[in-house]
Amino acid sequence: MKPEVIIPDIKPSTEASTFHHFVGGYVLGGLPCILCDNKTVFVNDIYTLIDFIDNGDMIVHNVRFFDAYLRGYVVTVVLLDMESGELIKRKHRICNEDLPCDWVLTDLFNSNHKKEDLLEFCF
C-alpha cells in the first residue's frame, strides 16, 4: 500500500497567478519554473530547459516552445528538443510555490537578448 502524499492548498500570491493564452504565446504567472521576462513565453521561440536530476546533476536542452495547457491546477508545457526532435512535456501545479521545481524553462541564455539587457560585470 502506497502512503498518501499531501499536496498543500493553493495560496494567494503577490505575483499574478495567471494562465493566459494570447495569439502567439502564453503568460504563465503562477509557475515558479518559468524564468522568462514577465513570465511570458512565445510559440516557436527558442528557450533553455534545465532538468534537475536527483543526484544533483543537470541536463540542459535547447528547446522550441510549442504549447501549454491547463488541467485543473496543473499546467503542462510542451517543448520540442532542437537536437533530438523529441517532444518534451513538463508539468507543475500552478500557484503553489511549496512544490519544488525539478525543471526550469528560461530565455536568459539565449542570444536574442539585447546586449543592454544583459548584466555587465566590472572586475
N, C-alpha and C. Protein backbone atom coordinates (compact mmCIF):
# COMPACT_ATOMS: atom_id res chain seq x y z
N MET A 1 0.84 -1.18 0.00
CA MET A 1 0.00 0.00 0.00
C MET A 1 0.89 1.24 0.00
N LYS A 2 0.57 2.16 -0.87
CA LYS A 2 1.34 3.38 -1.02
C LYS A 2 0.82 4.46 -0.08
N PRO A 3 1.69 5.13 0.68
CA PRO A 3 1.20 6.21 1.54
C PRO A 3 0.72 7.39 0.71
N GLU A 4 -0.28 8.08 1.21
CA GLU A 4 -0.81 9.24 0.51
C GLU A 4 0.14 10.42 0.65
N VAL A 5 0.28 11.15 -0.42
CA VAL A 5 1.10 12.34 -0.41
C VAL A 5 0.17 13.53 -0.29
N ILE A 6 0.41 14.35 0.72
CA ILE A 6 -0.43 15.52 0.94
C ILE A 6 0.12 16.67 0.11
N ILE A 7 -0.73 17.25 -0.72
CA ILE A 7 -0.34 18.40 -1.53
C ILE A 7 -0.93 19.64 -0.87
N PRO A 8 -0.09 20.61 -0.55
CA PRO A 8 -0.59 21.82 0.11
C PRO A 8 -1.62 22.55 -0.74
N ASP A 9 -2.52 23.25 -0.07
CA ASP A 9 -3.53 24.04 -0.77
C ASP A 9 -2.87 25.20 -1.51
N ILE A 10 -3.61 25.71 -2.45
CA ILE A 10 -3.15 26.87 -3.22
C ILE A 10 -3.21 28.09 -2.34
N LYS A 11 -2.11 28.84 -2.31
CA LYS A 11 -2.06 30.06 -1.52
C LYS A 11 -2.10 31.26 -2.45
N PRO A 12 -2.76 32.31 -2.03
CA PRO A 12 -2.71 33.52 -2.85
C PRO A 12 -1.28 34.04 -2.91
N SER A 13 -0.92 34.56 -4.03
CA SER A 13 0.44 35.05 -4.23
C SER A 13 0.39 36.52 -4.62
N THR A 14 1.45 37.22 -4.29
CA THR A 14 1.51 38.62 -4.70
C THR A 14 1.77 38.72 -6.20
N GLU A 15 2.43 37.70 -6.76
CA GLU A 15 2.66 37.67 -8.19
C GLU A 15 1.36 37.28 -8.88
N ALA A 16 1.14 37.80 -10.06
CA ALA A 16 -0.08 37.46 -10.79
C ALA A 16 -0.13 35.97 -11.03
N SER A 17 -1.15 35.32 -10.51
CA SER A 17 -1.32 33.88 -10.66
C SER A 17 -2.20 33.63 -11.87
N THR A 18 -1.58 33.68 -13.04
CA THR A 18 -2.37 33.62 -14.25
C THR A 18 -1.88 32.54 -15.20
N PHE A 19 -2.82 32.03 -15.95
CA PHE A 19 -2.55 31.22 -17.13
C PHE A 19 -3.37 31.87 -18.22
N HIS A 20 -2.69 32.57 -19.10
CA HIS A 20 -3.40 33.34 -20.11
C HIS A 20 -2.82 33.04 -21.49
N HIS A 21 -3.69 32.64 -22.41
CA HIS A 21 -3.28 32.38 -23.78
C HIS A 21 -3.62 33.58 -24.64
N PHE A 22 -2.67 34.04 -25.43
CA PHE A 22 -2.91 35.08 -26.40
C PHE A 22 -2.35 34.61 -27.74
N VAL A 23 -2.66 35.31 -28.81
CA VAL A 23 -2.20 34.89 -30.13
C VAL A 23 -0.66 34.93 -30.14
N GLY A 24 -0.07 33.76 -30.28
CA GLY A 24 1.38 33.67 -30.36
C GLY A 24 2.10 33.36 -29.07
N GLY A 25 1.39 33.19 -27.95
CA GLY A 25 2.11 32.89 -26.71
C GLY A 25 1.22 32.71 -25.51
N TYR A 26 1.87 32.64 -24.34
CA TYR A 26 1.20 32.40 -23.07
C TYR A 26 1.84 33.25 -21.98
N VAL A 27 1.03 33.64 -21.02
CA VAL A 27 1.53 34.22 -19.78
C VAL A 27 1.32 33.14 -18.72
N LEU A 28 2.42 32.69 -18.11
CA LEU A 28 2.37 31.61 -17.12
C LEU A 28 2.80 32.15 -15.77
N GLY A 29 2.01 33.07 -15.21
CA GLY A 29 2.36 33.78 -14.00
C GLY A 29 2.35 32.95 -12.74
N GLY A 30 1.65 31.84 -12.71
CA GLY A 30 1.59 31.03 -11.50
C GLY A 30 2.62 29.93 -11.44
N LEU A 31 3.58 29.92 -12.36
CA LEU A 31 4.59 28.86 -12.40
C LEU A 31 5.96 29.38 -12.00
N PRO A 32 6.50 28.92 -10.86
CA PRO A 32 7.84 29.35 -10.47
C PRO A 32 8.93 28.73 -11.35
N CYS A 33 8.59 27.74 -12.17
CA CYS A 33 9.56 27.07 -13.04
C CYS A 33 9.85 27.86 -14.31
N ILE A 34 9.10 28.92 -14.57
CA ILE A 34 9.28 29.73 -15.77
C ILE A 34 10.09 30.97 -15.39
N LEU A 35 11.29 31.09 -15.94
CA LEU A 35 12.16 32.24 -15.67
C LEU A 35 12.37 33.02 -16.96
N CYS A 36 11.31 33.66 -17.40
CA CYS A 36 11.33 34.48 -18.61
C CYS A 36 10.79 35.85 -18.27
N ASP A 37 11.06 36.83 -19.13
CA ASP A 37 10.56 38.18 -18.91
C ASP A 37 9.05 38.16 -18.78
N ASN A 38 8.55 38.71 -17.68
CA ASN A 38 7.12 38.82 -17.39
C ASN A 38 6.39 37.48 -17.43
N LYS A 39 7.13 36.37 -17.22
CA LYS A 39 6.54 35.02 -17.23
C LYS A 39 5.82 34.74 -18.55
N THR A 40 6.31 35.35 -19.64
CA THR A 40 5.67 35.22 -20.95
C THR A 40 6.55 34.37 -21.85
N VAL A 41 5.93 33.37 -22.50
CA VAL A 41 6.62 32.53 -23.47
C VAL A 41 5.89 32.63 -24.80
N PHE A 42 6.65 32.53 -25.88
CA PHE A 42 6.10 32.70 -27.21
C PHE A 42 6.26 31.41 -28.01
N VAL A 43 5.21 31.05 -28.74
CA VAL A 43 5.23 29.85 -29.56
C VAL A 43 6.32 29.99 -30.62
N ASN A 44 7.08 28.92 -30.80
CA ASN A 44 8.19 28.80 -31.76
C ASN A 44 9.45 29.55 -31.36
N ASP A 45 9.49 30.21 -30.22
CA ASP A 45 10.73 30.82 -29.75
C ASP A 45 11.62 29.75 -29.12
N ILE A 46 12.92 30.03 -29.11
CA ILE A 46 13.92 29.10 -28.56
C ILE A 46 14.16 29.45 -27.09
N TYR A 47 14.17 28.41 -26.23
CA TYR A 47 14.40 28.57 -24.80
C TYR A 47 15.39 27.50 -24.35
N THR A 48 15.83 27.62 -23.11
CA THR A 48 16.68 26.62 -22.49
C THR A 48 15.87 25.92 -21.41
N LEU A 49 15.82 24.60 -21.49
CA LEU A 49 15.16 23.78 -20.47
C LEU A 49 16.24 23.12 -19.64
N ILE A 50 16.18 23.32 -18.33
CA ILE A 50 17.14 22.70 -17.41
C ILE A 50 16.38 21.73 -16.53
N ASP A 51 16.75 20.45 -16.61
CA ASP A 51 16.17 19.41 -15.77
C ASP A 51 17.13 19.13 -14.63
N PHE A 52 16.63 19.13 -13.40
CA PHE A 52 17.44 18.83 -12.23
C PHE A 52 17.25 17.37 -11.85
N ILE A 53 18.34 16.64 -11.82
CA ILE A 53 18.32 15.22 -11.52
C ILE A 53 18.52 15.02 -10.02
N ASP A 54 18.01 13.88 -9.48
CA ASP A 54 18.08 13.62 -8.04
C ASP A 54 19.49 13.62 -7.47
N ASN A 55 20.49 13.21 -8.25
CA ASN A 55 21.85 13.14 -7.71
C ASN A 55 22.58 14.48 -7.77
N GLY A 56 21.87 15.56 -8.15
CA GLY A 56 22.47 16.89 -8.18
C GLY A 56 22.93 17.34 -9.56
N ASP A 57 22.83 16.45 -10.55
CA ASP A 57 23.22 16.82 -11.90
C ASP A 57 22.12 17.62 -12.59
N MET A 58 22.48 18.22 -13.71
CA MET A 58 21.52 18.95 -14.53
C MET A 58 21.66 18.48 -15.97
N ILE A 59 20.52 18.47 -16.66
CA ILE A 59 20.51 18.20 -18.09
C ILE A 59 19.96 19.44 -18.76
N VAL A 60 20.71 19.96 -19.73
CA VAL A 60 20.32 21.19 -20.40
C VAL A 60 19.91 20.87 -21.83
N HIS A 61 18.73 21.35 -22.22
CA HIS A 61 18.21 21.16 -23.57
C HIS A 61 17.95 22.52 -24.20
N ASN A 62 18.26 22.67 -25.48
CA ASN A 62 17.77 23.81 -26.25
C ASN A 62 16.45 23.36 -26.85
N VAL A 63 15.39 24.12 -26.56
CA VAL A 63 14.05 23.69 -26.95
C VAL A 63 13.32 24.83 -27.66
N ARG A 64 12.33 24.43 -28.42
CA ARG A 64 11.41 25.38 -29.04
C ARG A 64 10.07 25.21 -28.33
N PHE A 65 9.52 26.32 -27.83
CA PHE A 65 8.24 26.26 -27.12
C PHE A 65 7.14 25.95 -28.14
N PHE A 66 6.31 24.97 -27.80
CA PHE A 66 5.28 24.50 -28.72
C PHE A 66 3.87 24.82 -28.23
N ASP A 67 3.57 24.50 -26.96
CA ASP A 67 2.20 24.66 -26.46
C ASP A 67 2.21 24.60 -24.93
N ALA A 68 1.09 25.02 -24.34
CA ALA A 68 0.85 24.88 -22.90
C ALA A 68 -0.64 24.69 -22.70
N TYR A 69 -0.98 23.91 -21.69
CA TYR A 69 -2.40 23.74 -21.38
C TYR A 69 -2.57 23.53 -19.88
N LEU A 70 -3.78 23.86 -19.42
CA LEU A 70 -4.12 23.81 -18.00
C LEU A 70 -5.22 22.77 -17.80
N ARG A 71 -4.99 21.82 -16.89
CA ARG A 71 -6.00 20.85 -16.48
C ARG A 71 -6.08 20.90 -14.97
N GLY A 72 -7.20 21.36 -14.48
CA GLY A 72 -7.32 21.55 -13.04
C GLY A 72 -6.34 22.62 -12.61
N TYR A 73 -5.46 22.26 -11.68
CA TYR A 73 -4.43 23.18 -11.21
C TYR A 73 -3.05 22.86 -11.77
N VAL A 74 -2.97 21.96 -12.75
CA VAL A 74 -1.68 21.53 -13.29
C VAL A 74 -1.50 22.11 -14.70
N VAL A 75 -0.38 22.81 -14.89
CA VAL A 75 -0.02 23.36 -16.19
C VAL A 75 1.01 22.42 -16.81
N THR A 76 0.79 22.08 -18.08
CA THR A 76 1.74 21.28 -18.84
C THR A 76 2.28 22.14 -19.97
N VAL A 77 3.61 22.19 -20.09
CA VAL A 77 4.24 22.87 -21.22
C VAL A 77 4.78 21.80 -22.15
N VAL A 78 4.61 22.02 -23.44
CA VAL A 78 5.06 21.09 -24.47
C VAL A 78 6.17 21.78 -25.25
N LEU A 79 7.32 21.11 -25.34
CA LEU A 79 8.52 21.68 -25.93
C LEU A 79 9.08 20.71 -26.97
N LEU A 80 9.80 21.23 -27.94
CA LEU A 80 10.46 20.41 -28.93
C LEU A 80 11.96 20.51 -28.73
N ASP A 81 12.61 19.38 -28.45
CA ASP A 81 14.07 19.35 -28.29
C ASP A 81 14.71 19.60 -29.66
N MET A 82 15.52 20.64 -29.75
CA MET A 82 16.11 21.04 -31.02
C MET A 82 17.13 20.03 -31.54
N GLU A 83 17.77 19.30 -30.64
CA GLU A 83 18.81 18.35 -31.06
C GLU A 83 18.22 17.02 -31.51
N SER A 84 17.30 16.46 -30.71
CA SER A 84 16.78 15.12 -31.00
C SER A 84 15.46 15.14 -31.76
N GLY A 85 14.75 16.27 -31.77
CA GLY A 85 13.45 16.34 -32.44
C GLY A 85 12.33 15.73 -31.61
N GLU A 86 12.61 15.42 -30.35
CA GLU A 86 11.64 14.77 -29.47
C GLU A 86 10.76 15.82 -28.78
N LEU A 87 9.46 15.50 -28.63
CA LEU A 87 8.57 16.36 -27.85
C LEU A 87 8.79 16.08 -26.38
N ILE A 88 8.91 17.14 -25.59
CA ILE A 88 9.13 17.03 -24.15
C ILE A 88 7.96 17.71 -23.46
N LYS A 89 7.41 17.06 -22.43
CA LYS A 89 6.35 17.67 -21.63
C LYS A 89 6.84 17.81 -20.19
N ARG A 90 6.57 18.96 -19.62
CA ARG A 90 6.89 19.20 -18.21
C ARG A 90 5.65 19.77 -17.54
N LYS A 91 5.41 19.34 -16.29
CA LYS A 91 4.22 19.76 -15.55
C LYS A 91 4.61 20.39 -14.23
N HIS A 92 3.71 21.27 -13.76
CA HIS A 92 3.85 21.84 -12.43
C HIS A 92 2.49 22.35 -11.99
N ARG A 93 2.24 22.27 -10.70
CA ARG A 93 0.97 22.76 -10.17
C ARG A 93 1.03 24.28 -10.06
N ILE A 94 0.04 24.92 -10.61
CA ILE A 94 0.01 26.38 -10.67
C ILE A 94 -0.28 26.95 -9.28
N CYS A 95 0.27 28.11 -9.00
CA CYS A 95 0.02 28.88 -7.76
C CYS A 95 0.44 28.14 -6.51
N ASN A 96 1.45 27.29 -6.58
CA ASN A 96 1.90 26.58 -5.39
C ASN A 96 3.42 26.57 -5.37
N GLU A 97 3.98 27.49 -4.61
CA GLU A 97 5.43 27.61 -4.54
C GLU A 97 6.06 26.66 -3.53
N ASP A 98 5.23 25.89 -2.79
CA ASP A 98 5.76 24.92 -1.85
C ASP A 98 6.30 23.68 -2.56
N LEU A 99 5.75 23.38 -3.75
CA LEU A 99 6.24 22.24 -4.51
C LEU A 99 7.52 22.64 -5.24
N PRO A 100 8.57 21.83 -5.13
CA PRO A 100 9.83 22.20 -5.78
C PRO A 100 9.74 22.06 -7.30
N CYS A 101 10.51 22.88 -7.99
CA CYS A 101 10.63 22.78 -9.45
C CYS A 101 11.80 21.85 -9.75
N ASP A 102 11.54 20.76 -10.44
CA ASP A 102 12.64 19.90 -10.86
C ASP A 102 13.03 20.20 -12.31
N TRP A 103 12.49 21.30 -12.84
CA TRP A 103 12.85 21.78 -14.16
C TRP A 103 12.66 23.30 -14.20
N VAL A 104 13.37 23.95 -15.13
CA VAL A 104 13.24 25.40 -15.31
C VAL A 104 13.28 25.68 -16.81
N LEU A 105 12.37 26.52 -17.27
CA LEU A 105 12.37 26.99 -18.64
C LEU A 105 12.76 28.46 -18.61
N THR A 106 13.82 28.81 -19.35
CA THR A 106 14.33 30.17 -19.28
C THR A 106 14.78 30.66 -20.65
N ASP A 107 14.81 31.97 -20.80
CA ASP A 107 15.36 32.58 -22.01
C ASP A 107 16.62 33.39 -21.68
N LEU A 108 17.16 33.23 -20.50
CA LEU A 108 18.31 34.02 -20.06
C LEU A 108 19.59 33.67 -20.81
N PHE A 109 19.70 32.47 -21.35
CA PHE A 109 20.94 32.04 -22.01
C PHE A 109 20.87 32.17 -23.52
N ASN A 110 19.78 32.69 -24.04
CA ASN A 110 19.62 32.79 -25.49
C ASN A 110 20.24 34.07 -26.00
N SER A 111 20.70 34.03 -27.23
CA SER A 111 21.39 35.17 -27.81
C SER A 111 20.43 36.25 -28.31
N ASN A 112 19.11 36.02 -28.22
CA ASN A 112 18.17 37.02 -28.71
C ASN A 112 17.97 38.17 -27.73
N HIS A 113 18.60 38.10 -26.55
CA HIS A 113 18.55 39.23 -25.62
C HIS A 113 19.45 40.35 -26.15
N LYS A 114 18.99 41.56 -26.01
CA LYS A 114 19.81 42.69 -26.42
C LYS A 114 21.00 42.83 -25.47
N LYS A 115 22.08 43.35 -25.98
CA LYS A 115 23.29 43.50 -25.17
C LYS A 115 23.03 44.37 -23.95
N GLU A 116 22.22 45.41 -24.09
CA GLU A 116 21.99 46.29 -22.94
C GLU A 116 21.09 45.65 -21.89
N ASP A 117 20.39 44.55 -22.25
CA ASP A 117 19.57 43.83 -21.29
C ASP A 117 20.41 42.94 -20.37
N LEU A 118 21.60 42.59 -20.80
CA LEU A 118 22.45 41.70 -20.03
C LEU A 118 23.18 42.46 -18.93
N LEU A 119 23.50 41.77 -17.85
CA LEU A 119 24.24 42.40 -16.77
C LEU A 119 25.69 42.60 -17.19
N GLU A 120 26.26 43.69 -16.78
CA GLU A 120 27.67 43.94 -17.04
C GLU A 120 28.42 43.82 -15.73
N PHE A 121 29.56 43.17 -15.80
CA PHE A 121 30.38 42.97 -14.61
C PHE A 121 31.70 43.70 -14.79
N CYS A 122 32.12 44.40 -13.77
CA CYS A 122 33.42 45.06 -13.78
C CYS A 122 34.34 44.31 -12.83
N PHE A 123 35.46 43.89 -13.33
CA PHE A 123 36.41 43.16 -12.48
C PHE A 123 37.63 43.99 -12.23
